Amino acid sequence: MLMTHGWFDTQLRTQLRTQHRATRPNAITIGNFDGIHLGHQAMLARLTSRAASVGAAPTVLTFEPHPREIFTPQSAPTRLTSMREKLEILRALGVAHVHVCRFTKPFAALSAEEFVRRILVDGLKARYVLVGDDFRFGARRAGDFALLERMGREFGFQAEALHTIEAAGQRASSTAVRDALACGDMATAAQMLGRPYSISGRVVGGDQLGRKIGYPTANIQLKHNKPPLQGIFAVRVQGLGKADWPGVASLGTRPTVHANGRPTLEVHLFNFDRSIYREHLRVEFLHKLRDEAKFPNLDALIAQIDLDARQARELLGV
C-alpha cells in the first residue's frame, strides 16, 4: 500500500490517503532516511536541484516499518527519528511529498522489475530517480543501479547514483550515528547529522517526583521504544519561544525510583517556572554528563542531581 503524506497550513501535519497513481511527475529518492544525516542531506539537495530542472516534484519514497523490523525484529536497529521528526526535517529540506510504502512480506516479495514498474512508474510517475551507490531493491535485493538505469531508459525516467559522503573521518551513515550516540560521543553524532541530535515530543503528565525534590521536569512523550542513547545530558530545548532554553535531561529507566521502568525523557529547565503541559518541544542533546545510575536513596540522588545541574550550567554557559 502506498500512502501519501502532504504538507498544509503553517505547521507540519500529516494527511494519509491511499494513492495508487500520482497526478504529476515526481523526482524521487528512495530510502529509510533514519536520522537524515549529511549523506541523506546531500541526496536531498541533489534531488531538489534536479527536480527543478526536470519539472517534477521533489519526492521521498520511504518505508514503514523498517525492513529489518519485519525480517529480524530482534536485531532491528534503534530508530534515530520518529515518523513525525523525519517529516519535519524533510519538509525543512525542501521535499514536496513523502510517500510511505507499508513494508510487508508480500511487498518485499516484489521482484526488482515489478518494484520499478508498479511503484516508480505506474504509482509515482517517476521522471528522475536518485539512489545511493550501494542501493539494492526488490526480492532478495536482486535489483541494483544498473537495472534501475536500464529500466529508466525503457520507461522514460533518468536514474542517478550519488557517491558516499564522509563526515568525522568516516562514511556518513545511520549506523555510525547510532554508534556515536550509544557511547555518548555527542560531537561525532552532531558532525554526522550536521546538527545536534534531538528528540521531539509532547509534554505529558508525570509522577511529580522532580517537583517534590526541587527539580521540576517536563516529561517528553517518547515515540522511540528503544532510544538510541541513555544517560544524563546538558540540553537546549526548542519550542518555548524565540530562544532555545537551557536545561539538564535524564533519558533512561530511572532505576532509583522504578525497578522495571520504561525509558523516560525528563528535562529540568533552568530558571523556568510556567506550565507547558501538552506543548510540543524539541530537546537537543549537547553534552553527555554521565550514565544513568541507581542510588541508595533519594538524598543521594538529589546530591547527584545538584552536581549534574551545576555541570550542565557550566557547559552551556548559563
Protein backbone atom coordinates (compact mmCIF):
# COMPACT_ATOMS: atom_id res chain seq x y z
CA MET A 1 0.00 0.00 0.00
CA LEU A 2 1.31 3.43 -0.90
CA MET A 3 0.38 6.27 1.41
CA THR A 4 0.87 9.98 0.82
CA HIS A 5 1.95 12.48 3.43
CA GLY A 6 1.07 16.03 2.42
CA TRP A 7 2.03 19.39 3.92
CA PHE A 8 -0.65 22.01 4.67
CA ASP A 9 -1.28 25.08 6.88
CA THR A 10 1.73 26.73 8.52
CA GLN A 11 2.61 23.81 10.76
CA LEU A 12 3.58 20.26 9.87
CA ARG A 13 0.66 17.88 9.76
CA THR A 14 0.20 14.59 8.01
CA GLN A 15 -2.61 13.66 5.68
CA LEU A 16 -2.82 9.99 4.80
CA ARG A 17 -4.76 8.64 1.91
CA THR A 18 -4.35 5.64 -0.31
CA GLN A 19 -2.90 6.68 -3.63
CA HIS A 20 -2.32 4.26 -6.48
CA ARG A 21 -1.29 6.77 -9.13
CA ALA A 22 0.37 10.16 -8.83
CA THR A 23 -1.27 13.05 -10.64
CA ARG A 24 2.00 14.68 -11.75
CA PRO A 25 5.61 13.63 -12.45
CA ASN A 26 7.92 13.13 -9.50
CA ALA A 27 11.66 13.30 -8.92
CA ILE A 28 12.24 10.53 -6.39
CA THR A 29 14.85 9.38 -3.94
CA ILE A 30 14.39 6.13 -2.03
CA GLY A 31 15.44 5.01 1.44
CA ASN A 32 14.67 4.79 5.13
CA PHE A 33 16.27 8.18 5.86
CA ASP A 34 16.59 7.42 9.56
CA GLY A 35 18.23 10.40 11.25
CA ILE A 36 18.64 12.30 7.95
CA HIS A 37 22.42 12.63 8.32
CA LEU A 38 24.79 14.50 6.00
CA GLY A 39 24.71 11.71 3.43
CA HIS A 40 20.94 11.92 3.26
CA GLN A 41 21.10 15.70 3.13
CA ALA A 42 23.46 15.59 0.15
CA MET A 43 20.98 13.35 -1.65
CA LEU A 44 18.08 15.65 -0.84
CA ALA A 45 20.00 18.70 -2.05
CA ARG A 46 20.75 16.91 -5.32
CA LEU A 47 17.12 15.77 -5.55
CA THR A 48 15.64 19.25 -5.17
CA SER A 49 18.11 20.67 -7.69
CA ARG A 50 17.38 18.03 -10.32
CA ALA A 51 13.63 18.13 -9.63
CA ALA A 52 13.56 21.79 -10.65
CA SER A 53 15.48 21.09 -13.86
CA VAL A 54 13.26 18.18 -14.97
CA GLY A 55 9.97 19.83 -13.97
CA ALA A 56 8.97 17.35 -11.28
CA ALA A 57 8.12 17.48 -7.59
CA PRO A 58 10.97 16.52 -5.18
CA THR A 59 9.66 13.38 -3.53
CA VAL A 60 10.91 10.88 -0.95
CA LEU A 61 9.84 7.24 -1.06
CA THR A 62 10.37 5.60 2.31
CA PHE A 63 9.19 2.50 4.15
CA GLU A 64 7.29 1.74 7.34
CA PRO A 65 8.19 -0.25 9.32
CA HIS A 66 11.92 -0.63 8.77
CA PRO A 67 12.51 -3.82 6.71
CA ARG A 68 14.62 -5.38 9.44
CA GLU A 69 11.74 -4.95 11.90
CA ILE A 70 9.84 -7.42 9.71
CA PHE A 71 12.57 -9.97 8.97
CA THR A 72 14.89 -9.76 12.01
CA PRO A 73 12.98 -7.91 14.75
CA GLN A 74 15.40 -8.98 17.49
CA SER A 75 18.32 -7.26 15.75
CA ALA A 76 16.42 -4.37 14.15
CA PRO A 77 18.27 -1.07 14.56
CA THR A 78 17.19 1.51 17.10
CA ARG A 79 15.37 4.33 15.34
CA LEU A 80 17.02 7.72 15.38
CA THR A 81 13.87 9.61 14.35
CA SER A 82 10.14 9.07 14.71
CA MET A 83 8.00 9.48 11.61
CA ARG A 84 6.94 12.96 12.70
CA GLU A 85 10.56 14.01 13.28
CA LYS A 86 11.55 12.61 9.89
CA LEU A 87 8.74 14.51 8.16
CA GLU A 88 9.63 17.76 9.93
CA ILE A 89 13.24 17.57 8.74
CA LEU A 90 12.33 16.51 5.19
CA ARG A 91 9.95 19.42 4.92
CA ALA A 92 12.63 21.86 6.09
CA LEU A 93 14.99 20.49 3.43
CA GLY A 94 12.61 21.26 0.57
CA VAL A 95 10.87 17.92 0.00
CA ALA A 96 7.41 18.41 -1.51
CA HIS A 97 5.95 14.93 -0.95
CA VAL A 98 6.73 11.91 1.19
CA HIS A 99 5.29 8.60 0.06
CA VAL A 100 5.33 5.81 2.63
CA CYS A 101 5.27 2.23 1.40
CA ARG A 102 3.84 -0.08 4.02
CA PHE A 103 6.61 -2.69 4.21
CA THR A 104 5.19 -6.20 4.45
CA LYS A 105 6.43 -9.62 3.42
CA PRO A 106 4.26 -9.60 0.25
CA PHE A 107 5.70 -6.19 -0.64
CA ALA A 108 9.21 -7.49 -0.01
CA ALA A 109 8.49 -10.36 -2.42
CA LEU A 110 8.07 -7.96 -5.36
CA SER A 111 10.75 -8.55 -7.96
CA ALA A 112 13.05 -5.64 -8.74
CA GLU A 113 11.34 -5.22 -12.12
CA GLU A 114 7.87 -5.20 -10.50
CA PHE A 115 9.03 -2.59 -7.98
CA VAL A 116 10.14 -0.27 -10.77
CA ARG A 117 7.02 -0.77 -12.90
CA ARG A 118 4.36 -0.78 -10.18
CA ILE A 119 5.77 1.67 -7.63
CA LEU A 120 8.06 4.05 -9.51
CA VAL A 121 6.46 4.17 -12.95
CA ASP A 122 2.75 3.40 -12.51
CA GLY A 123 2.41 4.67 -8.93
CA LEU A 124 4.65 7.72 -8.84
CA LYS A 125 5.15 8.72 -12.49
CA ALA A 126 8.91 8.85 -11.98
CA ARG A 127 10.76 11.32 -14.17
CA TYR A 128 14.02 11.15 -12.20
CA VAL A 129 15.24 8.61 -9.59
CA LEU A 130 18.21 9.22 -7.30
CA VAL A 131 19.73 6.46 -5.15
CA GLY A 132 22.91 5.77 -3.20
CA ASP A 133 25.74 3.98 -4.96
CA ASP A 134 25.11 0.84 -2.85
CA PHE A 135 21.32 0.83 -3.35
CA ARG A 136 19.68 -2.60 -3.75
CA PHE A 137 15.97 -3.30 -4.16
CA GLY A 138 13.40 -5.95 -4.92
CA ALA A 139 13.09 -9.54 -3.69
CA ARG A 140 16.39 -10.91 -2.36
CA ARG A 141 17.89 -7.47 -3.08
CA ALA A 142 18.33 -8.53 -6.69
CA GLY A 143 17.95 -5.05 -8.19
CA ASP A 144 20.91 -2.71 -8.50
CA PHE A 145 21.69 0.61 -10.13
CA ALA A 146 22.47 -1.00 -13.49
CA LEU A 147 18.95 -2.47 -13.62
CA LEU A 148 17.41 0.82 -12.49
CA GLU A 149 19.32 2.71 -15.19
CA ARG A 150 18.27 0.22 -17.88
CA MET A 151 14.60 0.34 -16.87
CA GLY A 152 14.81 4.12 -16.75
CA ARG A 153 15.73 4.15 -20.43
CA GLU A 154 12.82 1.79 -21.11
CA PHE A 155 10.20 3.74 -19.15
CA GLY A 156 11.43 7.27 -19.68
CA PHE A 157 13.00 8.34 -16.37
CA GLN A 158 16.54 9.40 -15.56
CA ALA A 159 18.46 7.38 -12.96
CA GLU A 160 21.43 8.69 -10.99
CA ALA A 161 23.59 7.27 -8.18
CA LEU A 162 25.23 9.51 -5.58
CA HIS A 163 28.56 8.53 -4.06
CA THR A 164 29.23 8.13 -0.35
CA ILE A 165 29.55 11.24 1.82
CA GLU A 166 32.12 11.28 4.63
CA ALA A 167 31.90 13.08 7.96
CA ALA A 168 34.08 12.92 11.07
CA GLY A 169 36.57 10.82 9.08
CA GLN A 170 34.15 8.02 8.17
CA ARG A 171 31.21 7.20 5.93
CA ALA A 172 28.12 9.14 7.00
CA SER A 173 25.52 6.54 7.94
CA SER A 174 22.68 5.95 10.37
CA THR A 175 24.73 3.13 11.92
CA ALA A 176 27.65 5.48 12.60
CA VAL A 177 25.28 7.97 14.26
CA ARG A 178 23.80 5.21 16.44
CA ASP A 179 27.28 4.05 17.46
CA ALA A 180 28.31 7.59 18.43
CA LEU A 181 25.15 8.16 20.47
CA ALA A 182 25.42 4.80 22.21
CA CYS A 183 28.89 5.67 23.53
CA GLY A 184 27.95 9.26 24.42
CA ASP A 185 30.04 10.90 21.68
CA MET A 186 27.66 13.76 21.02
CA ALA A 187 30.22 15.74 18.99
CA THR A 188 30.69 12.96 16.41
CA ALA A 189 26.94 12.38 16.20
CA ALA A 190 26.42 16.11 15.58
CA GLN A 191 29.12 16.10 12.88
CA MET A 192 27.39 13.18 11.15
CA LEU A 193 23.98 14.83 11.37
CA GLY A 194 25.06 18.38 10.64
CA ARG A 195 23.15 19.39 13.79
CA PRO A 196 22.87 18.22 17.42
CA TYR A 197 20.92 15.01 17.89
CA SER A 198 17.42 15.77 19.14
CA ILE A 199 14.18 14.13 20.23
CA SER A 200 10.86 15.92 19.90
CA GLY A 201 7.59 15.17 21.62
CA ARG A 202 4.66 16.50 23.56
CA VAL A 203 4.90 17.30 27.28
CA VAL A 204 2.85 14.72 29.19
CA GLY A 205 1.96 14.19 32.82
CA GLY A 206 4.46 12.56 35.15
CA ASP A 207 4.64 11.38 38.76
CA GLN A 208 5.68 14.86 40.03
CA LEU A 209 8.74 13.44 41.82
CA GLY A 210 11.01 16.10 40.29
CA ARG A 211 8.89 18.90 41.73
CA LYS A 212 8.89 17.24 45.16
CA ILE A 213 12.70 17.11 45.26
CA GLY A 214 13.23 20.63 43.94
CA TYR A 215 13.84 19.81 40.29
CA PRO A 216 10.53 20.07 38.38
CA THR A 217 10.75 18.41 34.99
CA ALA A 218 8.93 18.39 31.68
CA ASN A 219 8.19 14.80 30.72
CA ILE A 220 8.55 14.39 26.95
CA GLN A 221 6.49 11.69 25.28
CA LEU A 222 8.82 9.21 23.58
CA LYS A 223 7.99 7.64 20.24
CA HIS A 224 11.15 5.52 20.41
CA ASN A 225 10.68 2.12 22.04
CA LYS A 226 14.47 1.85 22.29
CA PRO A 227 16.06 5.31 22.45
CA PRO A 228 19.49 5.36 20.77
CA LEU A 229 21.09 6.99 23.83
CA GLN A 230 20.70 6.90 27.60
CA GLY A 231 22.09 8.89 30.47
CA ILE A 232 22.20 12.42 31.83
CA PHE A 233 22.76 15.29 29.38
CA ALA A 234 23.19 19.05 29.09
CA VAL A 235 20.48 20.11 26.64
CA ARG A 236 18.81 23.01 24.93
CA VAL A 237 15.06 22.96 24.29
CA GLN A 238 13.22 24.48 21.34
CA GLY A 239 9.53 25.36 21.30
CA LEU A 240 9.33 27.71 24.29
CA GLY A 241 9.75 30.96 22.37
CA LYS A 242 12.27 32.51 20.04
CA ALA A 243 15.33 31.45 22.05
CA ASP A 244 16.41 27.91 22.95
CA TRP A 245 16.10 27.13 26.66
CA PRO A 246 18.99 25.51 28.59
CA GLY A 247 18.48 22.57 30.88
CA VAL A 248 19.59 19.18 32.11
CA ALA A 249 17.87 15.99 30.96
CA SER A 250 17.59 12.40 32.07
CA LEU A 251 16.85 9.74 29.48
CA GLY A 252 16.51 6.25 30.89
CA THR A 253 14.55 3.93 33.13
CA ARG A 254 15.10 5.84 36.44
CA PRO A 255 16.38 2.80 38.40
CA THR A 256 16.42 4.62 41.74
CA VAL A 257 12.62 5.01 41.72
CA HIS A 258 11.49 2.20 39.39
CA ALA A 259 12.65 -1.42 39.42
CA ASN A 260 11.49 -2.10 35.86
CA GLY A 261 10.79 1.31 34.40
CA ARG A 262 10.23 2.17 30.76
CA PRO A 263 12.52 4.68 29.01
CA THR A 264 11.53 8.19 30.06
CA LEU A 265 12.80 11.60 28.92
CA GLU A 266 12.66 14.24 31.67
CA VAL A 267 14.02 17.77 31.26
CA HIS A 268 14.66 20.27 34.03
CA LEU A 269 14.70 23.76 32.51
CA PHE A 270 16.92 26.30 34.25
CA ASN A 271 15.22 29.43 35.64
CA PHE A 272 11.85 28.39 34.21
CA ASP A 273 8.53 28.31 36.02
CA ARG A 274 5.38 28.06 33.94
CA SER A 275 3.05 25.29 32.87
CA ILE A 276 3.92 23.79 29.46
CA TYR A 277 1.73 20.70 29.63
CA ARG A 278 0.76 19.44 26.13
CA GLU A 279 3.24 21.73 24.35
CA HIS A 280 5.44 20.16 21.66
CA LEU A 281 9.16 20.57 22.37
CA ARG A 282 12.42 19.55 20.71
CA VAL A 283 15.26 18.55 23.03
CA GLU A 284 18.81 18.91 21.64
CA PHE A 285 21.40 16.70 23.37
CA LEU A 286 24.66 18.67 23.51
CA HIS A 287 26.87 17.01 26.15
CA LYS A 288 26.65 13.70 27.97
CA LEU A 289 27.37 14.15 31.67
CA ARG A 290 27.24 10.56 32.88
CA ASP A 291 25.50 7.22 32.59
CA GLU A 292 22.31 6.51 34.49
CA ALA A 293 22.90 5.03 37.95
CA LYS A 294 20.91 3.54 40.81
CA PHE A 295 21.33 5.44 44.09
CA PRO A 296 20.71 4.00 47.58
CA ASN A 297 18.16 6.68 48.49
CA LEU A 298 16.58 9.95 47.33
CA ASP A 299 19.07 12.08 49.27
CA ALA A 300 21.95 10.56 47.30
CA LEU A 301 20.02 11.07 44.06
CA ILE A 302 19.35 14.75 44.89
CA ALA A 303 23.03 15.33 45.69
CA GLN A 304 23.99 13.91 42.29
CA ILE A 305 21.34 15.98 40.50
CA ASP A 306 22.83 19.08 42.15
CA LEU A 307 26.19 18.17 40.62
CA ASP A 308 24.62 17.40 37.23
CA ALA A 309 22.79 20.72 37.12
CA ARG A 310 25.95 22.63 38.06
CA GLN A 311 27.99 20.87 35.36
CA ALA A 312 25.29 21.42 32.73
CA ARG A 313 25.14 25.13 33.55
CA GLU A 314 28.91 25.40 33.15
CA LEU A 315 28.91 23.58 29.81
CA LEU A 316 26.01 25.67 28.49
CA GLY A 317 27.35 28.95 29.87
CA VAL A 318 24.30 29.80 31.98
